[in-house]
């Protein structure tokens, strides 16, 4: 009789201990992920650091009157104020979701040695900056509240896309070699007041088989950053059609190949040329 009671007591005690362990694990799930990524030092950038990163870059100097206006700025100082007010810190819930997203991205790119080693650094913006589009400055990826509300598939491909822009900056020689191999030739950037500024690009134009590409606003009073088109100079129908067939119909090879590579990574059918580039 005593043995049976002892057995029940031990069983109940083990159940209580197991329940306690489950509660501890759940309550510390984010802490464990945080330790894995060393988040305080690397992954999430505080608002002061993210603002200083923008201020110390040439981002604002590259904005002409049209590009200031379409971003809701009356002048340069007004634009800086908008940034100061709309760069914020991630909430703990957002950090947990983003940590899981980054872990997924790392899992599917672990065999891409150089790319995998590029550090993740994320800053939080709002829809009032760059119309809510994700973008990069220096070695930091800026994402808005709009990004956080997108589907898992969109977020996975987009976060890899943005990390590719960091990779392009860190490995410029390898990047330009890839572009040349794929027939994109670097040329001097022309001054067009209607050119849409994109912080993910370098300071050059590129031509494909003699055709220059860049994005241009439709008029001098655009409603948003989406109010523009890729232009081809000179417009050569057979070359443009070939670019469209190859999915090269974008403003710059930085965007063309960030899109193509991130899409192939997510679909797990990455081209060998891109594998070599990222390794």
Protein backbone atom coordinates (compact mmCIF):
# COMPACT_ATOMS: atom_id res chain seq x y z
CA UNK A 1 0.00 0.00 0.00
CA UNK A 2 2.83 2.36 0.91
CA UNK A 3 4.63 1.55 -2.33
CA UNK A 4 1.57 2.50 -4.37
CA UNK A 5 1.20 5.82 -2.54
CA UNK A 6 4.89 6.50 -2.96
CA UNK A 7 4.63 5.76 -6.67
CA UNK A 8 1.68 8.17 -7.05
CA UNK A 9 3.53 10.84 -5.06
CA UNK A 10 6.63 10.52 -7.24
CA UNK A 11 4.50 10.60 -10.42
CA UNK A 12 2.68 13.76 -9.29
CA UNK A 13 5.99 15.36 -8.30
CA UNK A 14 7.48 14.56 -11.71
CA UNK A 15 4.42 16.04 -13.43
CA UNK A 16 4.76 19.25 -11.39
CA UNK A 17 8.47 19.47 -12.22
CA UNK A 18 7.75 18.88 -15.93
CA UNK A 19 5.05 21.57 -15.92
CA UNK A 20 7.43 24.01 -14.24
CA UNK A 21 10.09 23.29 -16.86
CA UNK A 22 7.59 23.89 -19.69
CA UNK A 23 6.57 27.21 -18.15
CA UNK A 24 10.20 28.24 -17.74
CA UNK A 25 10.98 27.28 -21.36
CA UNK A 26 8.02 29.21 -22.76
CA UNK A 27 8.71 32.30 -20.66
CA UNK A 28 12.39 32.24 -21.67
CA UNK A 29 11.93 31.31 -25.33
CA UNK A 30 12.87 34.78 -26.49
CA UNK A 31 15.78 34.88 -24.05
CA UNK A 32 17.19 31.67 -25.57
CA UNK A 33 16.87 33.07 -29.07
CA UNK A 34 18.41 36.29 -27.86
CA UNK A 35 21.42 34.42 -26.54
CA UNK A 36 21.74 32.55 -29.86
CA UNK A 37 21.96 35.79 -31.85
CA UNK A 38 23.56 38.03 -29.20
CA UNK A 39 20.80 40.49 -30.04
CA UNK A 40 21.76 43.31 -27.70
CA UNK A 41 25.03 43.80 -29.59
CA UNK A 42 24.17 42.86 -33.16
CA UNK A 43 20.73 42.25 -34.57
CA UNK A 44 18.50 45.11 -33.37
CA UNK A 45 19.74 48.66 -33.75
CA UNK A 46 18.39 51.30 -31.35
CA UNK A 47 16.78 54.46 -32.75
CA UNK A 48 19.73 56.73 -31.88
CA UNK A 49 22.23 54.49 -33.68
CA UNK A 50 19.95 54.07 -36.69
CA UNK A 51 19.43 57.84 -36.94
CA UNK A 52 23.15 58.60 -36.67
CA UNK A 53 23.81 56.00 -39.37
CA UNK A 54 21.55 57.96 -41.75
CA UNK A 55 22.94 61.36 -40.75
CA UNK A 56 26.54 60.22 -41.22
CA UNK A 57 25.80 58.76 -44.67
CA UNK A 58 25.34 60.73 -47.90
CA UNK A 59 21.64 59.82 -48.02
CA UNK A 60 20.26 63.34 -47.47
CA UNK A 61 22.80 64.97 -49.78
CA UNK A 62 21.56 62.78 -52.63
CA UNK A 63 17.97 64.08 -52.39
CA UNK A 64 17.01 66.82 -54.84
CA UNK A 65 13.82 68.90 -54.54
CA UNK A 66 11.57 66.31 -56.19
CA UNK A 67 12.97 63.47 -54.07
CA UNK A 68 12.52 65.54 -50.90
CA UNK A 69 8.96 66.46 -51.79
CA UNK A 70 7.85 62.90 -52.62
CA UNK A 71 9.15 61.87 -49.19
CA UNK A 72 6.93 64.46 -47.51
CA UNK A 73 9.78 66.90 -46.80
CA UNK A 74 9.70 70.66 -47.39
CA UNK A 75 13.48 70.88 -47.11
CA UNK A 76 16.52 68.96 -45.88
CA UNK A 77 16.10 69.90 -42.21
CA UNK A 78 12.43 68.92 -42.35
CA UNK A 79 13.44 65.53 -43.74
CA UNK A 80 15.92 65.01 -40.91
CA UNK A 81 13.17 65.84 -38.41
CA UNK A 82 10.84 63.26 -39.99
CA UNK A 83 13.56 60.66 -39.64
CA UNK A 84 14.23 61.60 -36.03
CA UNK A 85 10.53 61.24 -35.18
CA UNK A 86 9.92 58.00 -37.08
CA UNK A 87 12.94 55.87 -36.28
CA UNK A 88 11.86 53.83 -33.27
CA UNK A 89 12.85 50.76 -31.27
CA UNK A 90 11.35 47.33 -31.92
CA UNK A 91 8.95 45.95 -29.33
CA UNK A 92 9.81 42.67 -27.59
CA UNK A 93 7.09 40.91 -29.60
CA UNK A 94 8.50 42.26 -32.88
CA UNK A 95 12.00 41.19 -31.85
CA UNK A 96 10.83 37.65 -31.26
CA UNK A 97 9.07 37.45 -34.64
CA UNK A 98 12.04 38.94 -36.47
CA UNK A 99 14.48 36.65 -34.68
CA UNK A 100 12.52 33.64 -35.94
CA UNK A 101 12.45 35.14 -39.44
CA UNK A 102 16.23 35.70 -39.42
CA UNK A 103 16.82 32.18 -38.13
CA UNK A 104 14.78 30.83 -41.06
CA UNK A 105 16.77 32.98 -43.49
CA UNK A 106 20.03 31.75 -41.94
CA UNK A 107 18.92 28.12 -42.16
CA UNK A 108 18.29 28.29 -45.91
CA UNK A 109 21.51 30.22 -46.65
CA UNK A 110 23.95 28.39 -44.36
CA UNK A 111 25.74 26.84 -47.36
CA UNK A 112 26.40 30.27 -48.90
CA UNK A 113 29.53 30.93 -46.88
CA UNK A 114 30.32 34.63 -47.45
CA UNK A 115 26.69 35.69 -47.56
CA UNK A 116 25.85 33.73 -44.41
CA UNK A 117 28.63 35.50 -42.49
CA UNK A 118 27.35 39.01 -43.26
CA UNK A 119 25.95 40.31 -39.93
CA UNK A 120 22.26 41.07 -39.64
CA UNK A 121 21.47 44.56 -38.34
CA UNK A 122 17.85 45.75 -38.33
CA UNK A 123 16.38 49.19 -37.61
CA UNK A 124 12.69 50.10 -37.29
CA UNK A 125 11.06 52.87 -39.31
CA UNK A 126 7.48 53.82 -40.18
CA UNK A 127 5.47 54.28 -43.36
CA UNK A 128 6.43 57.97 -43.27
CA UNK A 129 9.99 57.08 -44.32
CA UNK A 130 10.68 55.85 -47.89
CA UNK A 131 6.90 55.25 -48.21
CA UNK A 132 7.29 52.26 -45.89
CA UNK A 133 9.55 50.35 -48.31
CA UNK A 134 12.44 48.32 -46.83
CA UNK A 135 15.86 49.76 -47.68
CA UNK A 136 19.47 49.78 -46.54
CA UNK A 137 22.00 52.42 -45.56
CA UNK A 138 25.56 51.34 -44.83
CA UNK A 139 25.37 48.00 -43.04
CA UNK A 140 21.86 48.40 -41.59
CA UNK A 141 18.53 47.16 -42.98
CA UNK A 142 15.60 49.52 -42.29
CA UNK A 143 12.13 47.98 -42.11
CA UNK A 144 8.80 49.62 -41.31
CA UNK A 145 5.65 48.60 -39.49
CA UNK A 146 4.18 47.81 -42.93
CA UNK A 147 6.82 45.12 -43.48
CA UNK A 148 5.96 43.54 -40.15
CA UNK A 149 2.35 43.06 -41.28
CA UNK A 150 3.22 41.25 -44.54
CA UNK A 151 3.01 37.49 -45.22
CA UNK A 152 5.76 35.13 -44.07
CA UNK A 153 6.84 34.40 -47.64
CA UNK A 154 7.11 38.10 -48.49
CA UNK A 155 9.09 38.83 -45.33
CA UNK A 156 11.50 35.94 -45.90
CA UNK A 157 12.30 36.85 -49.51
CA UNK A 158 12.45 40.58 -48.75
CA UNK A 159 14.78 40.27 -45.75
CA UNK A 160 17.17 38.15 -47.86
CA UNK A 161 16.83 40.70 -50.69
CA UNK A 162 17.85 43.50 -48.33
CA UNK A 163 20.76 41.52 -46.92
CA UNK A 164 21.97 41.08 -50.50
CA UNK A 165 22.27 44.88 -50.70
CA UNK A 166 24.59 44.74 -47.68
CA UNK A 167 26.56 41.99 -49.43
CA UNK A 168 26.83 44.12 -52.58
CA UNK A 169 28.46 46.90 -50.54
CA UNK A 170 30.80 44.62 -48.62
CA UNK A 171 31.97 42.79 -51.77
CA UNK A 172 32.01 45.44 -54.54
CA UNK A 173 34.69 43.76 -56.68
CA UNK A 174 32.89 40.39 -56.71
CA UNK A 175 29.60 42.19 -57.36
CA UNK A 176 30.88 44.16 -60.34
CA UNK A 177 32.53 41.03 -61.71
CA UNK A 178 29.15 39.27 -61.58
CA UNK A 179 27.48 42.19 -63.34
CA UNK A 180 30.10 42.22 -66.10
CA UNK A 181 29.75 38.46 -66.57
CA UNK A 182 26.02 39.04 -67.07
CA UNK A 183 26.66 41.92 -69.52
CA UNK A 184 25.94 44.87 -67.24
CA UNK A 185 28.63 47.51 -67.76
CA UNK A 186 29.25 50.28 -65.22
CA UNK A 187 29.09 53.80 -66.70
CA UNK A 188 29.02 57.38 -65.41
CA UNK A 189 25.73 58.38 -63.83
CA UNK A 190 23.81 61.00 -65.79
CA UNK A 191 22.14 63.93 -64.05
CA UNK A 192 18.37 63.65 -64.52
CA UNK A 193 16.28 65.77 -62.09
CA UNK A 194 13.42 63.27 -62.42
CA UNK A 195 15.55 60.31 -61.38
CA UNK A 196 14.10 58.51 -58.35
CA UNK A 197 16.67 58.20 -55.58
CA UNK A 198 17.15 54.71 -54.16
CA UNK A 199 19.53 54.29 -51.17
CA UNK A 200 20.19 50.64 -52.15
CA UNK A 201 22.09 51.62 -55.30
CA UNK A 202 25.70 52.62 -55.93
CA UNK A 203 26.85 55.84 -57.61
CA UNK A 204 26.85 54.54 -61.19
CA UNK A 205 24.49 53.85 -64.05
CA UNK A 206 24.67 50.53 -65.87
CA UNK A 207 23.95 49.58 -69.43
CA UNK A 208 22.97 46.22 -70.79
CA UNK A 209 24.12 45.67 -74.39
CA UNK A 210 24.38 49.43 -74.87
CA UNK A 211 21.06 50.31 -73.18
CA UNK A 212 21.23 52.42 -70.01
CA UNK A 213 18.60 51.73 -67.31
CA UNK A 214 17.35 53.74 -64.33
CA UNK A 215 14.08 54.72 -62.65
CA UNK A 216 12.46 58.04 -63.49
CA UNK A 217 9.40 59.77 -62.05
CA UNK A 218 6.54 60.26 -64.51
CA UNK A 219 6.42 64.00 -63.82
CA UNK A 220 7.86 66.64 -61.46
CA UNK A 221 5.05 66.18 -58.93
CA UNK A 222 4.97 62.42 -58.11
CA UNK A 223 2.46 61.14 -55.57
CA UNK A 224 4.74 58.42 -54.18
CA UNK A 225 8.01 56.61 -54.77
CA UNK A 226 6.04 54.12 -56.88
CA UNK A 227 5.05 56.87 -59.31
CA UNK A 228 7.84 56.14 -61.76
CA UNK A 229 9.07 53.71 -64.41
CA UNK A 230 12.28 52.07 -65.52
CA UNK A 231 13.60 53.93 -68.54
CA UNK A 232 15.81 52.48 -71.27
CA UNK A 233 18.21 54.79 -73.13
CA UNK A 234 18.30 54.49 -76.02
CA UNK A 235 15.10 52.48 -76.23
CA UNK A 236 16.05 49.44 -78.31
CA UNK A 237 13.07 47.13 -78.64
CA UNK A 238 14.87 43.80 -79.09
CA UNK A 239 17.26 44.52 -76.17
CA UNK A 240 14.43 45.67 -73.88
CA UNK A 241 12.42 42.57 -74.77
CA UNK A 242 15.42 40.40 -73.95
CA UNK A 243 15.79 42.16 -70.58
CA UNK A 244 12.13 41.57 -69.80
CA UNK A 245 12.47 37.88 -70.73
CA UNK A 246 15.43 37.55 -68.36
CA UNK A 247 13.62 39.49 -65.59
CA UNK A 248 16.20 42.27 -65.95
CA UNK A 249 13.50 44.94 -66.24
CA UNK A 250 14.47 46.94 -63.16
CA UNK A 251 16.32 50.19 -62.49
CA UNK A 252 19.75 48.85 -61.57
CA UNK A 253 21.62 45.52 -61.31
CA UNK A 254 21.65 45.89 -57.51
CA UNK A 255 17.87 45.56 -57.58
CA UNK A 256 17.73 43.12 -60.48
CA UNK A 257 20.00 40.56 -58.86
CA UNK A 258 18.84 41.09 -55.27
CA UNK A 259 15.38 40.20 -56.56
CA UNK A 260 16.45 37.22 -58.68
CA UNK A 261 18.82 35.74 -56.10
CA UNK A 262 16.47 36.11 -53.11
CA UNK A 263 13.64 34.56 -55.11
CA UNK A 264 15.81 31.60 -56.13
CA UNK A 265 17.07 31.11 -52.56
CA UNK A 266 13.53 30.89 -51.22
CA UNK A 267 12.52 28.52 -54.04
CA UNK A 268 15.71 26.47 -53.45
CA UNK A 269 16.80 26.61 -57.09
CA UNK A 270 19.78 28.97 -56.91
CA UNK A 271 21.79 29.34 -60.12
CA UNK A 272 25.41 28.06 -59.93
CA UNK A 273 26.79 31.46 -60.92
CA UNK A 274 24.99 33.01 -57.94
CA UNK A 275 26.16 30.21 -55.63
CA UNK A 276 29.77 30.94 -56.57
CA UNK A 277 29.18 34.68 -56.09
CA UNK A 278 27.86 34.21 -52.55
CA UNK A 279 30.55 31.73 -51.54
